[in-house]
Amino acid sequence: MVALEFNQGNQPTVSVCHVKKQSDNIISFLEAHQYTCEGLLPLDGDVIIFVGIMDRDFRTESIEAFYVPKGTFVKLNPLIVHGTQYPVDKEDVHIVCMLPGRTFKNDMLSRKLETEEQIRITRECVKNEI
């Protein structure tokens, strides 16, 4: 992770996350940030992301999945529910993740889903490219 000094206040950080292909793309964990955006940039493979609208119970009814080609930057606004990314055709994909420093400490809302709430992402439920 690298911190970039821009101004006073929350300093941005850039890290490279590594995601692995799974046999089933199961959403079992949701997160959102109240005050900050998050930037995602898949570097070496296409991915599927999921997003939804935040409510106080972290319900899954608003979840939608999207296909994101490598090299496409995605901005997630505050209070957009999201979570891990899923590689499409490669076993491993590296993703640049941009957040203000200490986001996971001071601006993290999350919930682990019970088994009956979990969602399986299939090709049929993925929206067109972002």
Protein backbone atom coordinates (compact mmCIF):
# COMPACT_ATOMS: atom_id res chain seq x y z
CA MET A 1 0.00 0.00 0.00
CA VAL A 2 1.22 3.51 -0.81
CA ALA A 3 -0.04 6.75 0.78
CA LEU A 4 -0.11 9.80 -1.48
CA GLU A 5 0.23 13.18 0.24
CA PHE A 6 -2.30 15.55 -1.33
CA ASN A 7 -3.75 17.79 1.35
CA GLN A 8 -4.79 17.91 5.00
CA GLY A 9 -7.41 15.38 6.12
CA ASN A 10 -7.93 11.87 4.85
CA GLN A 11 -4.96 10.87 2.74
CA PRO A 12 -5.66 8.51 -0.16
CA THR A 13 -4.11 5.05 -0.25
CA VAL A 14 -3.54 2.77 -3.20
CA SER A 15 -3.20 -0.98 -2.79
CA VAL A 16 -3.24 -3.95 -5.13
CA CYS A 17 -5.71 -6.65 -4.15
CA HIS A 18 -5.43 -10.21 -5.41
CA VAL A 19 -8.66 -12.11 -6.11
CA LYS A 20 -8.88 -15.78 -7.08
CA LYS A 21 -11.46 -17.52 -9.24
CA GLN A 22 -14.01 -19.52 -7.25
CA SER A 23 -16.11 -22.49 -8.32
CA ASP A 24 -19.23 -20.64 -7.12
CA ASN A 25 -19.33 -16.86 -6.86
CA ILE A 26 -21.12 -16.63 -3.52
CA ILE A 27 -21.80 -13.26 -1.87
CA SER A 28 -21.42 -13.91 1.85
CA PHE A 29 -20.19 -10.53 3.10
CA LEU A 30 -21.38 -6.97 2.44
CA GLU A 31 -19.61 -3.69 3.13
CA ALA A 32 -20.17 0.02 2.58
CA HIS A 33 -18.51 3.28 3.59
CA GLN A 34 -20.59 6.18 4.94
CA TYR A 35 -18.36 9.08 3.94
CA THR A 36 -15.93 7.96 1.30
CA CYS A 37 -15.79 6.73 -2.28
CA GLU A 38 -13.81 3.68 -3.33
CA GLY A 39 -12.00 3.24 -6.64
CA LEU A 40 -11.40 -0.13 -8.32
CA LEU A 41 -9.28 -0.86 -11.40
CA PRO A 42 -8.83 -4.48 -12.59
CA LEU A 43 -5.32 -4.71 -14.02
CA ASP A 44 -4.85 -8.08 -15.66
CA GLY A 45 -8.27 -9.67 -16.09
CA ASP A 46 -12.00 -9.03 -16.33
CA VAL A 47 -14.03 -9.23 -13.13
CA ILE A 48 -17.59 -9.28 -11.89
CA ILE A 49 -18.48 -6.83 -9.14
CA PHE A 50 -21.69 -6.49 -7.19
CA VAL A 51 -23.27 -3.35 -5.80
CA GLY A 52 -26.47 -2.37 -4.04
CA ILE A 53 -28.22 0.40 -2.18
CA MET A 54 -27.49 0.75 1.52
CA ASP A 55 -30.24 0.36 4.07
CA ARG A 56 -29.90 -0.05 7.82
CA ASP A 57 -30.34 -3.84 7.65
CA PHE A 58 -27.90 -4.53 4.79
CA ARG A 59 -30.59 -6.44 2.92
CA THR A 60 -29.67 -8.08 -0.38
CA GLU A 61 -32.75 -7.18 -2.48
CA SER A 62 -31.01 -4.32 -4.29
CA ILE A 63 -27.84 -6.27 -5.20
CA GLU A 64 -26.90 -6.25 -8.89
CA ALA A 65 -23.82 -7.76 -10.54
CA PHE A 66 -21.82 -6.13 -13.35
CA TYR A 67 -19.12 -7.26 -15.76
CA VAL A 68 -16.03 -5.00 -15.60
CA PRO A 69 -13.39 -5.40 -18.34
CA LYS A 70 -9.74 -5.12 -17.29
CA GLY A 71 -8.48 -1.54 -17.44
CA THR A 72 -11.92 -0.09 -16.59
CA PHE A 73 -11.99 2.22 -13.56
CA VAL A 74 -15.03 1.93 -11.29
CA LYS A 75 -15.97 4.54 -8.68
CA LEU A 76 -18.21 3.38 -5.82
CA ASN A 77 -19.93 6.30 -4.11
CA PRO A 78 -20.49 6.47 -0.35
CA LEU A 79 -23.16 4.11 1.00
CA ILE A 80 -22.99 1.78 -2.02
CA VAL A 81 -23.02 -1.80 -0.78
CA HIS A 82 -20.27 -3.92 -2.31
CA GLY A 83 -17.71 -6.62 -1.54
CA THR A 84 -15.15 -8.84 -3.19
CA GLN A 85 -14.65 -9.05 -6.93
CA TYR A 86 -14.82 -12.28 -8.95
CA PRO A 87 -12.45 -13.12 -11.85
CA VAL A 88 -14.26 -14.04 -15.07
CA ASP A 89 -11.83 -16.06 -17.21
CA LYS A 90 -8.50 -16.01 -15.36
CA GLU A 91 -7.59 -17.87 -12.18
CA ASP A 92 -6.12 -14.74 -10.55
CA VAL A 93 -6.73 -11.03 -11.09
CA HIS A 94 -4.97 -8.06 -9.51
CA ILE A 95 -7.11 -5.01 -8.75
CA VAL A 96 -5.96 -1.53 -7.76
CA CYS A 97 -8.08 -0.40 -4.81
CA MET A 98 -8.14 3.29 -3.85
CA LEU A 99 -9.53 4.51 -0.52
CA PRO A 100 -8.75 7.25 1.98
CA GLY A 101 -6.30 6.09 4.61
CA ARG A 102 -7.73 4.25 7.64
CA THR A 103 -11.10 3.65 5.93
CA PHE A 104 -11.31 0.12 7.30
CA LYS A 105 -10.81 1.53 10.81
CA ASN A 106 -13.01 4.65 10.74
CA ASP A 107 -15.57 4.28 7.92
CA MET A 108 -16.45 0.62 7.54
CA LEU A 109 -19.98 -0.75 7.73
CA SER A 110 -20.20 -4.49 7.19
CA ARG A 111 -22.25 -7.60 7.70
CA LYS A 112 -21.61 -11.30 7.22
CA LEU A 113 -24.64 -12.88 5.57
CA GLU A 114 -26.35 -15.91 7.03
CA THR A 115 -26.31 -18.97 4.75
CA GLU A 116 -29.95 -18.49 3.70
CA GLU A 117 -29.25 -14.84 2.72
CA GLN A 118 -26.22 -15.55 0.56
CA ILE A 119 -26.43 -14.92 -3.18
CA ARG A 120 -24.81 -16.96 -5.95
CA ILE A 121 -23.74 -14.87 -8.94
CA THR A 122 -24.28 -16.66 -12.24
CA ARG A 123 -23.52 -15.48 -15.77
CA GLU A 124 -27.25 -14.99 -16.36
CA CYS A 125 -27.63 -12.45 -13.54
CA VAL A 126 -24.66 -10.28 -14.58
CA LYS A 127 -25.60 -6.95 -16.20
CA ASN A 128 -23.81 -5.64 -19.26
CA GLU A 129 -20.40 -4.03 -18.98
CA ILE A 130 -19.92 -1.00 -16.79
